[in-house]
Protein backbone atom coordinates (compact mmCIF):
# COMPACT_ATOMS: atom_id res chain seq x y z
CA MET A 1 -78.71 -29.60 -25.54
CA LYS A 2 -80.80 -31.82 -27.71
CA ASN A 3 -82.59 -30.50 -30.84
CA LEU A 4 -85.95 -29.88 -30.10
CA HIS A 5 -95.58 -27.36 -35.95
CA LYS A 6 -100.83 -27.37 -40.79
CA PHE A 7 -103.65 -25.06 -41.56
CA LEU A 8 -106.09 -26.58 -43.91
CA LEU A 9 -108.56 -24.46 -45.99
CA PRO A 10 -110.99 -27.02 -47.03
CA ALA A 11 -113.50 -25.85 -49.66
CA ALA A 12 -116.25 -27.72 -51.53
CA VAL A 13 -118.69 -26.33 -54.16
CA MET A 14 -121.71 -28.31 -55.18
CA PHE A 15 -123.95 -27.66 -58.29
CA ALA A 16 -127.34 -29.45 -58.99
CA MET A 17 -129.08 -29.39 -62.31
CA ALA A 18 -132.72 -30.19 -62.88
CA SER A 19 -134.17 -31.46 -66.13
CA CYS A 20 -136.77 -33.92 -67.37
CA THR A 21 -133.93 -36.71 -66.86
CA PRO A 22 -132.26 -35.78 -63.53
CA GLU A 23 -128.60 -36.29 -63.62
CA GLU A 24 -126.20 -35.28 -60.90
CA THR A 25 -123.51 -32.99 -61.98
CA PRO A 26 -119.98 -34.20 -60.55
CA GLU A 27 -118.84 -32.32 -57.60
CA PRO A 28 -115.66 -30.40 -58.69
CA GLU A 29 -112.35 -30.98 -56.94
CA ILE A 30 -111.11 -28.03 -55.38
CA PRO A 31 -107.43 -28.24 -54.19
CA THR A 32 -106.57 -28.07 -50.52
CA THR A 33 -104.08 -25.61 -49.51
CA THR A 34 -101.57 -26.36 -47.03
CA THR A 35 -99.20 -24.01 -45.13
CA PRO A 36 -95.94 -25.65 -44.84
CA THR A 37 -94.48 -26.12 -41.32
CA ALA A 38 -91.21 -24.53 -40.55
CA PRO A 39 -88.40 -27.14 -39.86
CA THR A 40 -87.12 -26.86 -36.31
CA PRO A 41 -83.81 -24.87 -36.17
CA PRO A 42 -80.81 -26.38 -34.66
CA GLN A 43 -80.15 -25.48 -30.96
CA PRO A 44 -76.71 -24.57 -30.03
CA THR A 45 -74.78 -27.08 -27.83
CA ILE A 46 -73.24 -25.50 -24.70
CA ASN A 47 -70.49 -27.70 -23.12
CA GLY A 48 -69.93 -27.97 -19.35
CA VAL A 49 -73.53 -26.43 -18.31
CA ASN A 50 -76.30 -28.02 -16.51
CA GLY A 51 -78.91 -26.00 -18.35
CA VAL A 52 -79.34 -23.84 -21.44
CA LEU A 53 -82.18 -21.24 -21.91
CA VAL A 54 -82.73 -20.05 -25.39
CA ALA A 55 -84.65 -17.20 -26.70
CA LEU A 56 -85.46 -17.96 -30.49
CA ASP A 57 -87.06 -15.80 -33.03
CA LEU A 58 -88.15 -17.86 -36.10
CA ASP A 59 -88.30 -15.64 -39.34
CA PHE A 60 -89.93 -18.12 -41.62
CA SER A 61 -91.03 -16.99 -45.08
CA ILE A 62 -92.70 -19.01 -47.92
CA THR A 63 -93.35 -17.97 -51.50
CA GLN A 64 -97.08 -18.70 -52.60
CA MET A 65 -98.10 -17.78 -56.07
CA GLY A 66 -95.05 -15.46 -56.42
CA ILE A 67 -95.87 -13.76 -53.23
CA SER A 68 -93.67 -13.93 -50.06
CA VAL A 69 -95.76 -14.76 -46.94
CA PRO A 70 -94.17 -14.30 -43.58
CA LEU A 71 -94.85 -16.96 -40.81
CA ASN A 72 -92.90 -15.47 -37.94
CA THR A 73 -92.81 -17.22 -34.52
CA GLU A 74 -91.08 -16.51 -31.02
CA MET A 75 -89.97 -19.51 -29.04
CA GLY A 76 -88.65 -19.91 -25.47
CA ILE A 77 -86.64 -23.26 -25.27
CA ALA A 78 -85.06 -24.73 -21.95
CA ALA A 79 -83.36 -27.89 -20.88
CA PHE A 80 -81.75 -28.74 -17.47
CA TYR A 81 -79.32 -31.51 -16.42
CA ASN A 82 -78.27 -32.96 -13.14
CA THR A 83 -74.58 -33.20 -14.36
CA PRO A 84 -73.07 -31.49 -17.45
CA GLY A 85 -72.92 -34.09 -20.34
CA ASP A 86 -76.02 -35.86 -19.21
CA THR A 87 -78.55 -36.94 -21.87
CA THR A 88 -81.52 -37.12 -19.44
CA MET A 89 -83.30 -33.72 -18.85
CA VAL A 90 -84.70 -33.18 -15.19
CA ASP A 91 -87.49 -31.01 -13.81
CA ALA A 92 -86.78 -27.42 -12.84
CA GLY A 93 -90.15 -26.31 -11.75
CA THR A 94 -91.82 -23.31 -13.33
CA VAL A 95 -89.85 -21.65 -16.17
CA LYS A 96 -90.82 -18.20 -17.50
CA ILE A 97 -89.64 -15.90 -20.24
CA ASN A 98 -90.59 -12.35 -20.17
CA ASN A 99 -93.24 -13.43 -17.76
CA VAL A 100 -94.74 -16.16 -20.01
CA SER A 101 -94.73 -19.67 -18.76
CA LEU A 102 -92.98 -22.35 -20.93
CA THR A 103 -94.86 -25.87 -20.88
CA LYS A 104 -92.82 -28.69 -19.53
CA ASN A 105 -93.04 -31.69 -21.79
CA ALA A 106 -93.09 -35.40 -20.80
CA ASN A 107 -89.35 -35.55 -21.23
CA ASN A 108 -88.80 -32.55 -18.94
CA SER A 109 -87.94 -30.26 -21.78
CA TYR A 110 -89.67 -26.84 -21.77
CA LEU A 111 -91.09 -24.89 -24.69
CA VAL A 112 -93.53 -22.01 -25.58
CA THR A 113 -94.32 -20.76 -28.90
CA ALA A 114 -95.83 -17.29 -29.72
CA GLY A 115 -97.22 -15.93 -32.88
CA ILE A 116 -99.29 -18.90 -34.13
CA PRO A 117 -102.44 -17.46 -35.55
CA SER A 118 -105.45 -17.61 -33.24
CA GLN A 119 -103.35 -18.85 -30.41
CA GLU A 120 -101.93 -17.42 -27.24
CA PRO A 121 -99.45 -15.99 -26.58
CA SER A 122 -99.34 -13.70 -29.42
CA THR A 123 -95.96 -12.40 -28.50
CA LEU A 124 -92.96 -13.14 -26.16
CA ASN A 125 -91.95 -9.44 -26.69
CA TYR A 126 -88.36 -10.10 -28.01
CA ASP A 127 -88.59 -6.81 -29.96
CA GLY A 128 -87.82 -4.85 -26.85
CA GLY A 129 -84.54 -6.18 -26.55
CA ASN A 130 -84.98 -7.77 -23.29
CA THR A 131 -84.99 -11.45 -22.35
CA ASN A 132 -85.93 -11.92 -18.54
CA TRP A 133 -85.84 -15.50 -17.54
CA SER A 134 -87.19 -16.83 -14.20
CA VAL A 135 -86.87 -20.59 -12.99
CA SER A 136 -88.55 -21.42 -9.72
CA GLY A 137 -86.32 -24.55 -9.31
CA ALA A 138 -87.05 -28.30 -8.34
CA GLY A 139 -84.88 -31.21 -7.07
CA SER A 140 -81.19 -30.51 -7.82
CA ILE A 141 -82.01 -27.54 -9.94
CA PRO A 142 -81.81 -24.14 -7.99
CA ALA A 143 -83.93 -21.11 -8.56
CA ILE A 144 -82.55 -18.89 -11.33
CA THR A 145 -83.31 -15.30 -12.42
CA GLY A 146 -81.69 -14.09 -15.55
CA ASN A 147 -82.45 -10.52 -16.79
CA TYR A 148 -80.40 -9.62 -20.11
CA ALA A 149 -80.77 -6.38 -22.34
CA TYR A 150 -79.38 -7.73 -25.64
CA ASN A 151 -80.88 -7.61 -29.02
CA LEU A 152 -81.34 -10.90 -30.87
CA PRO A 153 -78.80 -11.77 -33.56
CA SER A 154 -79.51 -10.50 -36.98
CA TYR A 155 -78.42 -11.29 -40.41
CA SER A 156 -78.78 -8.71 -43.33
CA GLY A 157 -77.23 -10.76 -46.20
CA THR A 158 -79.26 -12.47 -49.13
CA ILE A 159 -80.74 -15.89 -48.82
CA PRO A 160 -80.38 -18.05 -52.10
CA THR A 161 -83.69 -19.17 -53.58
CA ASP A 162 -82.12 -21.78 -56.10
CA ILE A 163 -79.29 -24.21 -55.28
CA ASN A 164 -77.72 -26.28 -58.18
CA LYS A 165 -76.02 -29.06 -56.34
CA ALA A 166 -73.39 -29.35 -58.99
CA ASN A 167 -72.10 -25.79 -58.64
CA GLY A 168 -72.00 -25.81 -54.84
CA LEU A 169 -72.93 -22.70 -52.71
CA THR A 170 -71.20 -19.54 -51.62
CA LEU A 171 -72.28 -17.40 -48.90
CA ASN A 172 -70.49 -14.15 -47.71
CA LEU A 173 -71.33 -13.79 -44.10
CA SER A 174 -68.78 -11.02 -43.37
CA GLY A 175 -70.46 -7.70 -42.33
CA THR A 176 -73.92 -9.24 -42.41
CA MET A 177 -74.04 -10.44 -38.81
CA SER A 178 -74.67 -8.63 -35.53
CA ASN A 179 -74.95 -9.68 -31.81
CA THR A 180 -73.71 -13.18 -33.07
CA ASP A 181 -71.07 -15.68 -31.54
CA SER A 182 -71.50 -18.29 -34.45
CA VAL A 183 -73.94 -19.10 -37.34
CA TYR A 184 -75.47 -22.55 -38.57
CA VAL A 185 -76.07 -23.00 -42.20
CA VAL A 186 -78.63 -25.66 -42.72
CA ILE A 187 -80.18 -27.21 -45.74
CA ILE A 188 -83.23 -29.58 -45.69
CA SER A 189 -84.71 -31.66 -48.51
CA GLY A 190 -87.08 -34.25 -47.52
CA SER A 191 -85.16 -36.61 -45.23
CA THR A 192 -81.79 -35.41 -46.30
CA SER A 193 -80.04 -32.44 -44.86
CA PHE A 194 -76.71 -30.54 -44.52
CA MET A 195 -75.73 -28.58 -41.52
CA LYS A 196 -72.60 -26.93 -40.35
CA SER A 197 -71.50 -23.99 -38.07
CA TYR A 198 -69.32 -21.20 -39.22
CA ALA A 199 -67.98 -17.88 -37.68
CA PRO A 200 -70.17 -14.95 -38.29
CA SER A 201 -67.20 -13.27 -40.42
CA ALA A 202 -66.72 -16.20 -42.64
CA SER A 203 -67.02 -16.46 -46.50
CA VAL A 204 -68.88 -19.70 -46.70
CA SER A 205 -68.21 -22.20 -49.43
CA ILE A 206 -70.18 -25.34 -49.67
CA SER A 207 -68.93 -27.74 -51.98
CA ALA A 208 -70.93 -29.98 -54.55
CA SER A 209 -69.70 -32.84 -52.65
CA ASP A 210 -71.40 -31.51 -49.61
CA LEU A 211 -74.68 -30.89 -51.32
CA SER A 212 -74.57 -34.33 -53.25
CA GLY A 213 -76.66 -36.13 -50.72
CA LEU A 214 -79.48 -33.72 -50.83
CA THR A 215 -82.55 -34.82 -52.78
CA ALA A 216 -84.17 -32.40 -55.49
CA SER A 217 -86.93 -30.41 -54.22
CA SER A 218 -90.38 -30.48 -55.77
CA ALA A 219 -93.84 -28.88 -55.46
CA THR A 220 -95.04 -31.61 -53.10
CA SER A 221 -91.67 -31.95 -51.31
CA PRO A 222 -90.24 -28.44 -50.63
CA ALA A 223 -86.68 -27.85 -49.45
CA TYR A 224 -85.66 -25.36 -46.80
CA ILE A 225 -82.32 -23.22 -46.21
CA GLU A 226 -81.63 -21.90 -42.62
CA ILE A 227 -79.37 -18.99 -41.61
CA VAL A 228 -79.24 -19.36 -37.88
CA PRO A 229 -76.99 -16.83 -35.85
CA TRP A 230 -76.84 -17.26 -32.07
CA LYS A 231 -74.99 -15.95 -29.13
CA VAL A 232 -74.34 -16.77 -25.56
CA ILE A 233 -75.54 -13.49 -23.78
CA GLY A 234 -74.74 -14.79 -20.08
CA TYR A 235 -73.85 -17.58 -17.83
CA GLN A 236 -74.85 -18.07 -14.21
CA THR A 237 -73.35 -20.37 -11.46
CA ILE A 238 -75.72 -21.11 -8.68
CA SER A 239 -75.23 -23.68 -5.99
CA GLY A 240 -72.28 -25.20 -8.00
CA LYS A 241 -74.36 -25.57 -11.17
CA THR A 242 -73.80 -23.47 -14.31
CA PHE A 243 -76.57 -22.28 -16.68
CA ALA A 244 -76.04 -20.52 -20.08
CA PHE A 245 -78.52 -17.88 -21.75
CA VAL A 246 -78.73 -17.90 -25.38
CA ASN A 247 -80.35 -15.55 -27.96
CA GLU A 248 -80.98 -17.11 -31.48
CA ARG A 249 -82.50 -16.03 -34.63
CA ALA A 250 -83.35 -18.43 -37.43
CA TYR A 251 -83.89 -17.15 -40.93
CA VAL A 252 -85.99 -19.98 -42.77
CA ARG A 253 -86.69 -19.86 -46.43
CA THR A 254 -88.02 -22.31 -49.12
CA VAL A 255 -85.26 -22.96 -51.64
CA ASN A 256 -85.36 -24.84 -55.11
CA ILE A 257 -82.61 -27.72 -55.27
CA ASN A 258 -81.72 -29.27 -58.51
């Protein structure tokens, strides 16, 4: 499966002064506040299937003026292929998650995002512990129904706020994961990144060498760390084609890298 969004708050204040010799007072510059966009979490690669349907909760938090600001979204993602291993996605008709339709993109990938302020839908109702998928089918892809009662993966451990590349990074995942088959650890800084998959019981040790290629973060170029547990909650084989259903949660935080 192939890896798959800014609010500006403009403000201007103008003052005028009247005198015997009129002069314009310069308009003060007001900084524009930009809400960062969360990087797209990695999607699991499931071998030997004709389609992957992912219920993803994006737990994204940024720190502004010393205050943690949550910017959470829920996503439904799906992709379908004529043959396992193909790189070209195909049409599967109408795809829904918890009765909410996904949008089919030009490349036949499917996506819906809920929780963006002032946009619909406001939720995909993942908190109920149910992920109910329906696919109408098209071409070689049959109609599919997948109803699963599994809570999404969770991580209760700490997420570092600072990374010194020279010291490496250690994360103890043991005892901090639930409903998880595997977990990605991702660090992104500008155009540079580190990503690796680990067992949910692992003690993760990321060396200075692993981090050496990352650029240092700054106020204008923030860096992010992602802890991304995921689990295959079911497979279905229909008309000789196999489809995987995945629950995933991405914990994304800003991090200082030096």
